[in-house]
Amino acid sequence: MQRRRAWILVAAWLFGAMVPLYGQNLTYDTGKQVVPPDYATIRIGRLYSTITFHSAVSYRYTTSSGAGTDYIIDGQRGTIIEDGSDIPMVLAFDFRNYMPISAHSDMDFSVRVAYRYYPLGTQEDEWTVSVPDERISANFSTTYRITPRLNGVIFDRIQYVTDFVDFRGNEDDAAGRPYERVDNVVGTTLTWLLSEVSNLAGTLSRRDVIVTDNEEEFGDQERVEYVEGLTYTRTIFGRITAGARVGATQREYSDKTRPDTSQQDYDVFIGNSEGGGIPLTEATTLTLSLGTSAGQSDATDTEESSQSTTVTGSATLRTQLTKHLSHEIRYAHGLRSGFDTDFEESDSWGYAVNYTKEGAYVRVYSTYETVDSSDSDTVPYDQWVTGIAMNYPLLSYLTLETSYDYRVIYNGNASSDAVVAEDGTVTTPPAESQEDYFTRTARIGTALAIYKDVIFRTYVQRYERLSDLNELEFTRDTFEATLAYSHQF
């Protein structure tokens, strides 16, 4: 397993390389103009680069109860061995590089190398070689022309990704398991310009998902997906576009105890050619879609074939309230492949307010989602997420940074009873499906620019999860003050 993972990571390095805080891409595009980047400060032959040195020393105090929780640092989990005081020290180098390969291809890649030292032993010292969000990607595309009105694109997009997820596949940075995989999509699109106001576009693609670690837990996610789609779009009333889509997806799983599935989607939509909505007023736009989805699963040795059908639709209303303030209301109903089930039918409602002005940023958001599985033995659930994130400059050199995030999982028909299969296998439901629970994160801090390359940051954070089930509960309180220096060569 380790050897397999190592080879995949080496291949991902060769194809996509690595970048901290930037997207990593190896691209081939016949329509792209290859030019040296603005950020480069060092040139060696065809290699353009910039190197940034980072150092930081902190005082950190943590205290926890229950199961406690760890930290996600540079896409990797940092385990807290014991609570209390420590003086973390970090030395790091960020290498961002660019290399033109040919007239139509180039590579933008970077890597962060860091050493973290914890003199009081609250965490293990470690060397890390990492990328932001553990995400490496490469993109290849080339255009082709059959006739002046019939054009196509061939593409290949590959990513190496690590997400921390719960058993349902939802993001959970506190208690989630690392789900590492290579995700590759190769395919082609073909666009036929029927007239000056209408076109017909088709797509064919294949997606491969390969689990690179922890196959015992995530082996049933390995699959091949085939997608076929056809979209007709027509411009009406100036900038407004309307159209119809039809799509089909087939999923073939490597784990033969999991049934293969297929899905058909049909819908009509209306919006505008810039990707926004129908202009209801000078400040308000509306985007609408309506359709239907049908899914089928094949029979296996332990399961019969099944079908799921539902009406689908979405609506998004956006309003630019002032020059700096906007809000958005959205609703969607749809059918999708489940993380550990054949299909899920979901309803989601969302609202967000955004304010941006001269370095100040405020976002208030709230979403509510209900999810019901096609598997009658799977517990349906609702998820509510609400919060606020704000960066506000108090002075030209002092910024207030604060955030609050509140997440609730409501489990319907929750049960802790073990399930006995026909072969005698006993399965206990995951703790997260047995009781409702909520996770709350509150953080407030400041960033003080002492000098051009020197920043002093402080923050206080509380991370807690509460539930009637004791094994789900934990809290962690953290105070940290950091003096950081960085220099770009």
Protein backbone atom coordinates (compact mmCIF):
# COMPACT_ATOMS: atom_id res chain seq x y z
CA MET A 1 0.00 0.00 0.00
CA GLN A 2 2.79 2.43 0.97
CA ARG A 3 4.70 1.57 -2.20
CA ARG A 4 1.57 2.15 -4.31
CA ARG A 5 0.93 5.49 -2.62
CA ALA A 6 4.56 6.55 -3.12
CA TRP A 7 4.43 5.82 -6.85
CA ILE A 8 1.18 7.77 -7.23
CA LEU A 9 2.65 10.75 -5.38
CA VAL A 10 5.78 10.66 -7.54
CA ALA A 11 3.60 10.60 -10.67
CA ALA A 12 1.52 13.49 -9.34
CA TRP A 13 4.74 15.44 -8.68
CA LEU A 14 5.98 14.86 -12.21
CA PHE A 15 2.66 15.83 -13.79
CA GLY A 16 1.42 18.56 -11.50
CA ALA A 17 4.23 19.51 -9.12
CA MET A 18 3.45 21.47 -5.96
CA VAL A 19 2.55 25.04 -4.81
CA PRO A 20 1.88 26.67 -1.44
CA LEU A 21 -0.99 29.12 -1.53
CA TYR A 22 -1.25 28.94 -5.31
CA GLY A 23 -2.86 26.56 -7.77
CA GLN A 24 -0.50 23.89 -9.13
CA ASN A 25 -0.90 23.29 -12.77
CA LEU A 26 0.80 21.65 -15.67
CA THR A 27 -1.14 22.86 -18.70
CA TYR A 28 -1.22 22.22 -22.40
CA ASP A 29 -3.55 24.52 -24.28
CA THR A 30 -3.24 25.37 -27.97
CA GLY A 31 -5.12 28.62 -27.30
CA LYS A 32 -2.81 29.79 -24.51
CA GLN A 33 -0.10 32.41 -24.84
CA VAL A 34 2.92 31.26 -22.78
CA VAL A 35 4.60 34.21 -21.02
CA PRO A 36 6.95 34.47 -17.99
CA PRO A 37 5.16 35.23 -14.70
CA ASP A 38 5.21 38.56 -12.90
CA TYR A 39 6.15 36.98 -9.56
CA ALA A 40 9.52 35.55 -10.67
CA THR A 41 12.60 37.09 -9.01
CA ILE A 42 15.12 34.39 -9.98
CA ARG A 43 15.82 32.94 -13.42
CA ILE A 44 17.97 29.90 -14.15
CA GLY A 45 17.78 28.99 -17.83
CA ARG A 46 14.13 28.28 -18.61
CA LEU A 47 13.19 28.11 -14.91
CA TYR A 48 11.57 31.18 -13.35
CA SER A 49 11.32 31.09 -9.58
CA THR A 50 10.78 32.92 -6.34
CA ILE A 51 11.89 31.69 -2.91
CA THR A 52 10.33 32.91 0.31
CA PHE A 53 11.79 32.20 3.74
CA HIS A 54 9.43 32.05 6.74
CA SER A 55 10.26 31.83 10.43
CA ALA A 56 7.97 32.09 13.42
CA VAL A 57 8.07 31.65 17.15
CA SER A 58 4.87 31.39 19.19
CA TYR A 59 3.53 30.94 22.64
CA ARG A 60 0.58 28.54 22.64
CA TYR A 61 -1.63 27.29 25.42
CA THR A 62 -4.26 24.58 24.85
CA THR A 63 -6.73 22.80 27.06
CA SER A 64 -9.25 20.13 26.07
CA SER A 65 -11.90 17.78 27.38
CA GLY A 66 -13.61 14.68 26.04
CA ALA A 67 -12.04 13.21 22.93
CA GLY A 68 -10.23 16.47 22.21
CA THR A 69 -9.34 17.45 18.67
CA ASP A 70 -6.21 18.02 16.62
CA TYR A 71 -5.06 20.66 14.13
CA ILE A 72 -4.97 20.57 10.35
CA ILE A 73 -1.63 22.14 9.36
CA ASP A 74 -0.67 22.41 5.68
CA GLY A 75 -3.22 19.73 4.82
CA GLN A 76 -1.88 17.29 7.43
CA ARG A 77 -3.20 16.44 10.87
CA GLY A 78 -1.09 17.61 13.79
CA THR A 79 -1.82 15.48 16.86
CA ILE A 80 -1.86 17.17 20.26
CA ILE A 81 -0.04 14.80 22.65
CA GLU A 82 -0.81 16.75 25.79
CA ASP A 83 -2.43 20.04 26.75
CA GLY A 84 -0.64 22.99 28.28
CA SER A 85 1.93 25.55 27.24
CA ASP A 86 4.41 25.27 24.41
CA ILE A 87 6.64 27.51 22.32
CA PRO A 88 6.21 26.26 18.72
CA MET A 89 8.97 27.27 16.33
CA VAL A 90 8.72 27.01 12.56
CA LEU A 91 11.26 27.39 9.77
CA ALA A 92 9.93 27.08 6.23
CA PHE A 93 10.85 27.72 2.63
CA ASP A 94 8.26 28.26 -0.09
CA PHE A 95 9.47 27.60 -3.63
CA ARG A 96 7.22 28.83 -6.43
CA ASN A 97 8.42 27.95 -9.91
CA TYR A 98 7.38 28.41 -13.51
CA MET A 99 8.76 26.72 -16.59
CA PRO A 100 7.61 27.13 -20.22
CA ILE A 101 7.72 23.77 -21.97
CA SER A 102 6.63 24.64 -25.50
CA ALA A 103 4.70 27.31 -27.35
CA HIS A 104 1.44 25.93 -25.90
CA SER A 105 2.38 24.32 -22.60
CA ASP A 106 3.84 25.41 -19.29
CA MET A 107 4.19 24.30 -15.70
CA ASP A 108 3.50 26.33 -12.55
CA PHE A 109 4.60 24.37 -9.51
CA SER A 110 5.69 24.95 -5.93
CA VAL A 111 6.41 23.24 -2.65
CA ARG A 112 6.65 24.19 1.02
CA VAL A 113 9.39 22.57 3.10
CA ALA A 114 9.01 23.19 6.83
CA TYR A 115 10.40 22.08 10.16
CA ARG A 116 8.18 22.42 13.24
CA TYR A 117 9.76 22.24 16.70
CA TYR A 118 7.77 21.90 19.94
CA PRO A 119 10.31 22.24 22.80
CA LEU A 120 7.77 21.44 25.56
CA GLY A 121 6.52 18.28 23.86
CA THR A 122 2.83 19.08 23.25
CA GLN A 123 3.31 17.81 19.67
CA GLU A 124 5.98 15.74 17.97
CA ASP A 125 8.65 17.66 16.07
CA GLU A 126 8.33 17.10 12.34
CA TRP A 127 9.60 17.84 8.87
CA THR A 128 6.86 18.39 6.30
CA VAL A 129 6.86 18.69 2.54
CA SER A 130 3.41 19.87 1.65
CA VAL A 131 1.02 21.66 -0.66
CA PRO A 132 -1.98 23.75 0.42
CA ASP A 133 -5.06 21.62 1.04
CA GLU A 134 -3.05 18.56 -0.04
CA ARG A 135 -4.09 19.28 -3.61
CA ILE A 136 -1.93 18.69 -6.67
CA SER A 137 -3.39 19.14 -10.13
CA ALA A 138 -2.47 19.05 -13.78
CA ASN A 139 -4.58 20.27 -16.69
CA PHE A 140 -4.14 19.45 -20.36
CA SER A 141 -6.32 20.71 -23.18
CA THR A 142 -6.14 21.20 -26.90
CA THR A 143 -8.69 22.62 -29.31
CA TYR A 144 -9.61 21.25 -32.70
CA ARG A 145 -11.80 22.53 -35.53
CA ILE A 146 -13.89 20.36 -37.81
CA THR A 147 -15.64 23.24 -39.62
CA PRO A 148 -15.74 27.01 -38.96
CA ARG A 149 -18.89 26.42 -36.87
CA LEU A 150 -17.93 23.11 -35.28
CA ASN A 151 -15.15 23.27 -32.68
CA GLY A 152 -13.99 20.94 -29.94
CA VAL A 153 -11.69 20.63 -26.94
CA ILE A 154 -9.89 17.52 -25.68
CA PHE A 155 -8.97 17.72 -21.99
CA ASP A 156 -7.39 15.78 -19.14
CA ARG A 157 -7.57 17.04 -15.55
CA ILE A 158 -5.82 15.12 -12.77
CA GLN A 159 -5.77 15.93 -9.04
CA TYR A 160 -4.28 14.42 -5.91
CA VAL A 161 -6.59 15.40 -3.03
CA THR A 162 -6.85 14.86 0.72
CA ASP A 163 -10.12 15.75 2.47
CA PHE A 164 -11.04 15.12 6.10
CA VAL A 165 -14.56 13.68 6.06
CA ASP A 166 -17.12 11.98 8.27
CA PHE A 167 -18.72 8.64 7.37
CA ARG A 168 -21.21 10.42 5.09
CA GLY A 169 -18.46 12.15 3.12
CA ASN A 170 -19.14 15.59 4.59
CA GLU A 171 -16.20 17.83 5.49
CA ASP A 172 -15.14 17.43 9.14
CA ASP A 173 -11.77 18.95 10.00
CA ALA A 174 -12.20 18.16 13.71
CA ALA A 175 -12.89 14.43 13.80
CA GLY A 176 -12.90 13.44 10.13
CA ARG A 177 -10.79 10.71 8.56
CA PRO A 178 -8.26 11.58 5.82
CA TYR A 179 -9.68 10.56 2.44
CA GLU A 180 -6.73 10.57 0.02
CA ARG A 181 -7.28 9.93 -3.66
CA VAL A 182 -6.26 10.60 -7.23
CA ASP A 183 -9.13 12.01 -9.28
CA ASN A 184 -8.63 12.07 -13.05
CA VAL A 185 -11.11 13.26 -15.70
CA VAL A 186 -10.41 12.88 -19.42
CA GLY A 187 -12.85 13.77 -22.16
CA THR A 188 -13.90 16.01 -24.98
CA THR A 189 -16.46 18.73 -25.66
CA LEU A 190 -17.83 19.66 -29.07
CA THR A 191 -19.66 22.94 -29.77
CA TRP A 192 -21.77 23.56 -32.86
CA LEU A 193 -22.59 27.22 -33.53
CA LEU A 194 -26.06 26.86 -35.01
CA SER A 195 -26.54 30.62 -35.44
CA GLU A 196 -25.45 33.93 -33.97
CA VAL A 197 -27.81 33.39 -31.02
CA SER A 198 -27.81 29.63 -30.49
CA ASN A 199 -25.44 26.71 -30.10
CA LEU A 200 -25.42 23.00 -29.32
CA ALA A 201 -22.70 21.54 -27.09
CA GLY A 202 -21.92 17.90 -26.36
CA THR A 203 -19.52 16.31 -23.87
CA LEU A 204 -18.06 12.86 -23.28
CA SER A 205 -15.80 12.12 -20.32
CA ARG A 206 -14.38 9.40 -18.12
CA ARG A 207 -13.52 9.93 -14.46
CA ASP A 208 -11.29 7.59 -12.44
CA VAL A 209 -11.18 7.82 -8.63
CA ILE A 210 -8.27 5.90 -7.09
CA VAL A 211 -7.92 5.69 -3.31
CA THR A 212 -4.25 6.08 -2.31
CA ASP A 213 -4.46 5.35 1.43
CA ASN A 214 -6.80 3.79 4.01
CA GLU A 215 -8.39 1.42 1.50
CA GLU A 216 -10.09 -0.51 4.30
CA GLU A 217 -12.34 2.49 4.97
CA PHE A 218 -12.49 4.12 1.54
CA GLY A 219 -11.97 1.23 -0.87
CA ASP A 220 -15.67 1.31 -1.83
CA GLN A 221 -15.14 4.84 -3.25
CA GLU A 222 -12.89 3.61 -6.07
CA ARG A 223 -14.82 3.84 -9.31
CA VAL A 224 -14.94 4.73 -12.97
CA GLU A 225 -17.61 7.21 -14.10
CA TYR A 226 -18.71 7.79 -17.69
CA VAL A 227 -20.60 11.01 -18.42
CA GLU A 228 -22.44 11.99 -21.60
CA GLY A 229 -24.20 15.32 -22.00
CA LEU A 230 -25.92 17.54 -24.56
CA THR A 231 -26.84 21.21 -24.00
CA TYR A 232 -28.80 23.58 -26.26
CA THR A 233 -28.51 27.29 -25.48
CA ARG A 234 -30.22 30.27 -27.14
CA THR A 235 -29.88 33.97 -26.43
CA ILE A 236 -33.18 35.80 -25.99
CA PHE A 237 -33.98 39.40 -25.12
CA GLY A 238 -30.41 40.62 -25.44
CA ARG A 239 -28.26 39.15 -22.65
CA ILE A 240 -30.68 36.52 -21.33
CA THR A 241 -30.01 32.90 -22.27
CA ALA A 242 -32.33 29.93 -22.06
CA GLY A 243 -31.73 26.31 -22.87
CA ALA A 244 -32.16 22.63 -22.19
CA ARG A 245 -29.78 19.93 -20.97
CA VAL A 246 -29.75 16.17 -21.02
CA GLY A 247 -27.12 14.08 -19.30
CA ALA A 248 -26.30 10.50 -18.40
CA THR A 249 -23.81 9.05 -15.91
CA GLN A 250 -22.67 5.46 -15.35
CA ARG A 251 -20.66 4.52 -12.25
CA GLU A 252 -18.72 1.25 -12.02
CA TYR A 253 -17.27 0.49 -8.55
CA SER A 254 -14.16 -1.60 -7.92
CA ASP A 255 -15.74 -3.01 -4.77
CA LYS A 256 -18.12 -5.64 -6.15
CA THR A 257 -20.21 -5.63 -2.96
CA ARG A 258 -21.27 -2.12 -3.97
CA PRO A 259 -23.74 -2.00 -6.88
CA ASP A 260 -22.94 -0.14 -10.08
CA THR A 261 -25.34 2.71 -10.80
CA SER A 262 -26.58 4.84 -13.68
CA GLN A 263 -28.37 8.19 -13.71
CA GLN A 264 -30.23 10.31 -16.28
CA ASP A 265 -30.82 14.05 -15.85
CA TYR A 266 -33.03 16.39 -17.89
CA ASP A 267 -33.64 20.08 -17.25
CA VAL A 268 -34.39 23.47 -18.74
CA PHE A 269 -32.78 26.67 -17.50
CA ILE A 270 -32.78 30.44 -17.93
CA GLY A 271 -30.11 32.93 -16.96
CA ASN A 272 -27.81 35.34 -18.80
CA SER A 273 -24.78 35.04 -21.04
CA GLU A 274 -22.36 36.36 -18.38
CA GLY A 275 -23.27 33.55 -16.00
CA GLY A 276 -25.63 35.66 -13.88
CA GLY A 277 -29.41 35.68 -13.86
CA ILE A 278 -32.39 37.32 -15.45
CA PRO A 279 -32.23 41.07 -14.66
CA LEU A 280 -35.39 41.76 -12.65
CA THR A 281 -34.15 45.24 -11.74
CA GLU A 282 -30.89 47.12 -12.24
CA ALA A 283 -29.55 45.45 -9.07
CA THR A 284 -31.36 42.09 -8.90
CA THR A 285 -30.99 38.97 -11.04
CA LEU A 286 -32.72 35.58 -11.00
CA THR A 287 -31.50 32.21 -12.31
CA LEU A 288 -33.89 29.26 -12.64
CA SER A 289 -33.78 25.60 -13.66
CA LEU A 290 -36.36 22.80 -13.64
CA GLY A 291 -36.03 19.15 -14.59
CA THR A 292 -36.07 15.53 -13.53
CA SER A 293 -33.53 12.89 -12.51
CA ALA A 294 -33.76 9.12 -12.50
CA GLY A 295 -31.23 6.71 -11.01
CA GLN A 296 -30.91 2.93 -11.15
CA SER A 297 -28.66 0.54 -9.23
CA ASP A 298 -27.72 -2.97 -10.40
CA ALA A 299 -28.37 -6.09 -8.37
CA THR A 300 -25.54 -7.68 -6.35
CA ASP A 301 -25.21 -10.92 -4.40
CA THR A 302 -26.67 -9.20 -1.33
CA GLU A 303 -28.88 -6.45 -2.80
CA GLU A 304 -31.70 -6.25 -5.31
CA SER A 305 -31.76 -3.64 -8.06
CA SER A 306 -33.49 -0.36 -7.20
CA GLN A 307 -34.68 2.89 -8.77
CA SER A 308 -34.89 6.51 -7.60
CA THR A 309 -36.72 9.28 -9.45
CA THR A 310 -37.35 12.91 -8.51
CA VAL A 311 -38.19 16.33 -9.89
CA THR A 312 -35.16 18.66 -9.75
CA GLY A 313 -34.89 22.40 -9.72
CA SER A 314 -32.96 25.41 -8.49
CA ALA A 315 -33.44 29.15 -8.05
CA THR A 316 -30.87 31.82 -7.19
CA LEU A 317 -31.74 35.46 -6.47
CA ARG A 318 -28.84 37.94 -6.25
CA THR A 319 -29.07 41.62 -5.32
CA GLN A 320 -26.33 44.25 -5.30
CA LEU A 321 -27.68 46.31 -2.41
CA THR A 322 -24.95 48.95 -2.57
CA LYS A 323 -21.58 49.31 -4.26
CA HIS A 324 -19.94 47.27 -1.48
CA LEU A 325 -22.83 45.16 -0.17
CA SER A 326 -24.60 42.23 -1.86
CA HIS A 327 -26.70 39.26 -0.84
CA GLU A 328 -27.85 35.97 -2.36
CA ILE A 329 -30.74 33.59 -1.73
CA ARG A 330 -30.74 30.13 -3.28
CA TYR A 331 -32.68 26.86 -3.28
CA ALA A 332 -31.96 23.55 -4.97
CA HIS A 333 -33.49 20.08 -5.07
CA GLY A 334 -31.67 17.20 -6.71
CA LEU A 335 -30.54 13.59 -6.91
CA ARG A 336 -26.89 12.60 -6.51
CA SER A 337 -24.71 9.58 -5.88
CA GLY A 338 -24.34 8.91 -2.15
CA PHE A 339 -20.97 8.59 -0.44
CA ASP A 340 -21.89 5.21 1.03
CA THR A 341 -25.31 4.68 -0.60
CA ASP A 342 -26.59 4.35 -4.16
CA PHE A 343 -28.37 7.72 -4.31
CA GLU A 344 -29.30 10.67 -2.13
CA GLU A 345 -32.19 13.08 -2.63
CA SER A 346 -31.49 16.50 -1.15
CA ASP A 347 -33.08 19.89 -0.58
CA SER A 348 -30.86 22.83 0.25
CA TRP A 349 -31.60 26.44 1.16
CA GLY A 350 -28.94 29.10 1.49
CA TYR A 351 -28.50 32.78 2.26
CA ALA A 352 -25.35 34.89 2.28
CA VAL A 353 -24.46 38.57 2.72
CA ASN A 354 -21.10 39.90 1.52
CA TYR A 355 -19.46 43.24 2.28
CA THR A 356 -16.14 44.28 0.75
CA LYS A 357 -14.54 47.70 1.00
CA GLU A 358 -10.95 48.94 1.17
CA GLY A 359 -9.46 45.92 2.91
CA ALA A 360 -12.53 45.15 4.99
CA TYR A 361 -14.36 41.89 4.35
CA VAL A 362 -17.47 40.55 6.06
CA ARG A 363 -19.45 37.45 5.09
CA VAL A 364 -22.52 36.17 6.90
CA TYR A 365 -23.90 32.84 5.68
CA SER A 366 -26.45 30.17 6.51
CA THR A 367 -27.40 26.94 4.71
CA TYR A 368 -29.84 24.21 5.57
CA GLU A 369 -29.88 20.83 3.81
CA THR A 370 -32.08 17.76 4.14
CA VAL A 371 -30.73 14.47 2.80
CA ASP A 372 -32.67 11.25 2.33
CA SER A 373 -30.99 8.10 1.06
CA SER A 374 -32.33 5.56 -1.40
CA ASP A 375 -31.21 2.90 1.10
CA SER A 376 -34.03 2.33 3.60
CA ASP A 377 -31.51 1.17 6.25
CA THR A 378 -29.57 4.45 6.10
CA VAL A 379 -30.47 7.20 8.56
CA PRO A 380 -31.70 10.39 6.84
CA TYR A 381 -30.26 13.59 8.21
CA ASP A 382 -30.50 17.38 8.13
CA GLN A 383 -27.49 19.69 8.26
CA TRP A 384 -27.53 23.34 9.23
CA VAL A 385 -24.44 25.52 8.86
CA THR A 386 -24.35 29.19 9.79
CA GLY A 387 -21.59 31.62 10.57
CA ILE A 388 -19.69 34.83 10.01
CA ALA A 389 -16.18 35.64 8.84
CA MET A 390 -14.68 39.10 9.10
CA ASN A 391 -11.38 40.86 8.46
CA TYR A 392 -11.52 44.52 9.43
CA PRO A 393 -8.62 47.03 9.43
CA LEU A 394 -8.75 48.89 12.74
CA LEU A 395 -5.70 50.92 11.72
CA SER A 396 -3.47 50.93 8.67
CA TYR A 397 -1.17 48.45 10.46
CA LEU A 398 -3.68 46.57 12.66
CA THR A 399 -6.35 44.15 11.45
CA LEU A 400 -9.11 42.43 13.40
CA GLU A 401 -9.71 38.83 12.30
CA THR A 402 -12.75 36.98 13.60
CA SER A 403 -14.95 34.05 12.62
CA TYR A 404 -17.77 31.97 14.03
CA ASP A 405 -19.07 28.72 12.53
CA TYR A 406 -21.98 26.66 13.86
CA ARG A 407 -22.82 23.25 12.35
CA VAL A 408 -25.66 20.96 13.41
CA ILE A 409 -26.45 17.41 12.30
CA TYR A 410 -30.01 16.24 12.97
CA ASN A 411 -30.34 12.47 12.58
CA GLY A 412 -33.78 11.14 11.73
CA ASN A 413 -34.80 7.71 13.08
CA ALA A 414 -31.47 7.52 14.89
CA SER A 415 -30.65 4.13 16.42
CA SER A 416 -27.67 2.53 18.15
CA ASP A 417 -28.91 -1.02 17.52
CA ALA A 418 -26.47 -3.35 15.75
CA VAL A 419 -27.50 -4.74 12.35
CA VAL A 420 -27.03 -8.46 11.64
CA ALA A 421 -26.60 -9.36 7.95
CA GLU A 422 -27.69 -12.65 6.37
CA ASP A 423 -24.11 -13.95 6.54
CA GLY A 424 -24.00 -13.26 10.29
CA THR A 425 -21.88 -10.11 10.04
CA VAL A 426 -22.71 -7.65 12.84
CA THR A 427 -22.45 -3.93 12.03
CA THR A 428 -22.83 -1.16 14.61
CA PRO A 429 -24.07 2.18 13.24
CA PRO A 430 -21.46 4.96 13.29
CA ALA A 431 -21.66 7.16 16.37
CA GLU A 432 -22.39 10.20 14.16
CA SER A 433 -25.65 8.57 12.99
CA GLN A 434 -26.89 7.62 16.46
CA GLU A 435 -27.51 11.05 17.99
CA ASP A 436 -27.82 14.69 16.95
CA TYR A 437 -24.70 16.78 17.51
CA PHE A 438 -23.41 20.26 16.85
CA THR A 439 -19.92 21.63 16.28
CA ARG A 440 -19.07 25.22 17.11
CA THR A 441 -15.90 27.13 16.30
CA ALA A 442 -15.31 30.67 17.51
CA ARG A 443 -12.11 32.60 16.85
CA ILE A 444 -10.98 36.18 17.31
CA GLY A 445 -7.53 37.61 16.74
CA THR A 446 -5.45 40.49 15.52
CA ALA A 447 -2.66 40.94 13.00
CA LEU A 448 -0.17 43.73 13.69
CA ALA A 449 2.25 44.73 10.93
CA ILE A 450 5.38 45.71 12.88
CA TYR A 451 7.56 46.05 9.80
CA LYS A 452 7.30 45.17 6.13
CA ASP A 453 8.42 41.57 6.73
CA VAL A 454 7.44 41.18 10.40
CA ILE A 455 3.91 40.43 11.66
CA PHE A 456 2.67 39.79 15.17
CA ARG A 457 -0.54 37.74 15.39
CA THR A 458 -2.66 36.68 18.34
CA TYR A 459 -5.84 34.68 18.53
CA VAL A 460 -8.16 32.92 20.93
CA GLN A 461 -10.19 29.97 19.63
CA ARG A 462 -12.79 27.63 21.07
CA TYR A 463 -13.65 24.41 19.23
CA GLU A 464 -16.37 22.23 20.70
CA ARG A 465 -18.77 19.46 19.77
CA LEU A 466 -21.77 18.69 21.97
CA SER A 467 -24.13 15.70 21.86
CA ASP A 468 -26.17 13.39 24.07
CA LEU A 469 -23.66 10.70 23.06
CA ASN A 470 -20.54 11.12 25.20
CA GLU A 471 -18.12 9.66 22.68
CA LEU A 472 -18.97 12.48 20.23
CA GLU A 473 -18.26 15.27 22.69
CA PHE A 474 -15.03 17.24 22.84
CA THR A 475 -13.77 20.77 23.44
CA ARG A 476 -10.48 22.51 22.79
CA ASP A 477 -9.54 26.05 23.81
CA THR A 478 -6.44 27.66 22.36
CA PHE A 479 -4.56 30.90 22.86
CA GLU A 480 -1.62 31.67 20.62
CA ALA A 481 0.64 34.65 20.03
CA THR A 482 3.06 34.48 17.08
CA LEU A 483 5.89 36.68 15.87
CA ALA A 484 6.56 35.85 12.23
CA TYR A 485 9.22 37.00 9.79
CA SER A 486 9.26 36.38 6.05
CA HIS A 487 11.60 37.41 3.28
CA GLN A 488 11.36 36.91 -0.45
CA PHE A 489 14.64 36.37 -2.26
